[in-house]
Amino acid sequence: MKLSKERAAQLALEYVNKEKNENYKLELIGVEESKISPTYWAATFEVRTLEGHIIEGPLLILIDDDLQKAMSLEEAVEVRIEKNK
């Protein structure tokens, strides 16, 4: 892995904080090497109300180690399809 765990976490936080919402916040639960693919880090988040109640979770954000970019699972699938063409 080129990225450190700390850098992967930073990229995931930057990704989810691009479009902040005044009704909820995303709280980082953890970052680990992905079990889906060895070229990804997996960051998990809980979606919480501003009062701290869990709305949804865990939410998965993948960080592509080669591209050094965070993305949703759907975006990661699209990138993988494009790479394999």
Protein backbone atom coordinates (compact mmCIF):
# COMPACT_ATOMS: atom_id res chain seq x y z
CA MET A 1 0.00 0.00 0.00
CA LYS A 2 1.31 3.41 -0.99
CA LEU A 3 -1.02 5.34 1.29
CA SER A 4 -0.70 5.26 5.03
CA LYS A 5 -3.78 4.46 7.09
CA GLU A 6 -3.77 8.07 8.31
CA ARG A 7 -3.68 9.50 4.76
CA ALA A 8 -6.47 7.15 3.68
CA ALA A 9 -8.57 8.41 6.61
CA GLN A 10 -7.82 12.02 5.66
CA LEU A 11 -8.90 11.44 2.04
CA ALA A 12 -12.12 9.74 3.20
CA LEU A 13 -12.93 12.64 5.54
CA GLU A 14 -12.28 15.18 2.79
CA TYR A 15 -14.59 13.22 0.47
CA VAL A 16 -17.52 13.05 2.89
CA ASN A 17 -17.10 16.65 4.00
CA LYS A 18 -17.29 18.08 0.45
CA GLU A 19 -21.00 18.61 0.82
CA LYS A 20 -21.79 19.18 4.48
CA ASN A 21 -25.38 18.90 5.60
CA GLU A 22 -26.81 20.93 8.44
CA ASN A 23 -29.14 18.06 9.47
CA TYR A 24 -26.61 15.28 10.03
CA LYS A 25 -22.91 14.51 10.31
CA LEU A 26 -20.75 11.59 9.28
CA GLU A 27 -18.59 10.11 12.01
CA LEU A 28 -15.54 8.03 11.04
CA ILE A 29 -15.64 4.62 12.70
CA GLY A 30 -12.47 3.13 11.24
CA VAL A 31 -10.12 2.59 8.32
CA GLU A 32 -8.63 -0.72 7.25
CA GLU A 33 -7.25 -2.43 4.20
CA SER A 34 -10.21 -3.50 2.08
CA LYS A 35 -11.32 -7.10 1.96
CA ILE A 36 -12.78 -6.38 -1.51
CA SER A 37 -9.48 -5.57 -3.21
CA PRO A 38 -5.89 -5.15 -2.00
CA THR A 39 -5.64 -1.84 -3.88
CA TYR A 40 -8.27 -0.16 -1.68
CA TRP A 41 -8.59 1.12 1.84
CA ALA A 42 -12.08 0.90 3.36
CA ALA A 43 -13.33 3.71 5.58
CA THR A 44 -16.57 3.19 7.51
CA PHE A 45 -18.78 5.99 8.77
CA GLU A 46 -21.92 6.29 10.86
CA VAL A 47 -24.53 8.86 9.84
CA ARG A 48 -25.64 10.73 12.97
CA THR A 49 -28.02 13.51 13.84
CA LEU A 50 -26.44 16.66 15.21
CA GLU A 51 -27.55 15.43 18.65
CA GLY A 52 -25.49 12.26 18.11
CA HIS A 53 -28.21 9.68 17.38
CA ILE A 54 -27.40 7.08 14.72
CA ILE A 55 -29.51 7.47 11.58
CA GLU A 56 -27.70 4.99 9.35
CA GLY A 57 -24.52 3.05 9.13
CA PRO A 58 -22.11 1.79 8.47
CA LEU A 59 -21.52 3.74 5.28
CA LEU A 60 -18.56 2.47 3.24
CA ILE A 61 -16.14 4.80 1.43
CA LEU A 62 -13.29 3.24 -0.56
CA ILE A 63 -9.92 4.89 -1.05
CA ASP A 64 -8.09 3.80 -4.20
CA ASP A 65 -4.46 3.33 -3.26
CA ASP A 66 -3.20 3.77 -6.84
CA LEU A 67 -5.29 6.88 -7.61
CA GLN A 68 -5.04 8.18 -4.03
CA LYS A 69 -8.71 9.10 -4.26
CA ALA A 70 -11.74 8.42 -2.06
CA MET A 71 -15.03 7.31 -3.65
CA SER A 72 -18.30 5.57 -3.03
CA LEU A 73 -18.65 1.87 -3.75
CA GLU A 74 -20.55 2.70 -6.94
CA GLU A 75 -17.79 5.02 -8.13
CA ALA A 76 -15.17 2.36 -7.35
CA VAL A 77 -17.05 -0.18 -9.47
CA GLU A 78 -17.19 2.26 -12.37
CA VAL A 79 -13.44 2.96 -12.08
CA ARG A 80 -12.72 -0.78 -12.02
CA ILE A 81 -14.85 -1.36 -15.13
CA GLU A 82 -13.03 1.43 -16.98
CA LYS A 83 -9.62 0.03 -15.98
CA ASN A 84 -10.56 -3.40 -17.32
CA LYS A 85 -11.74 -2.24 -20.76
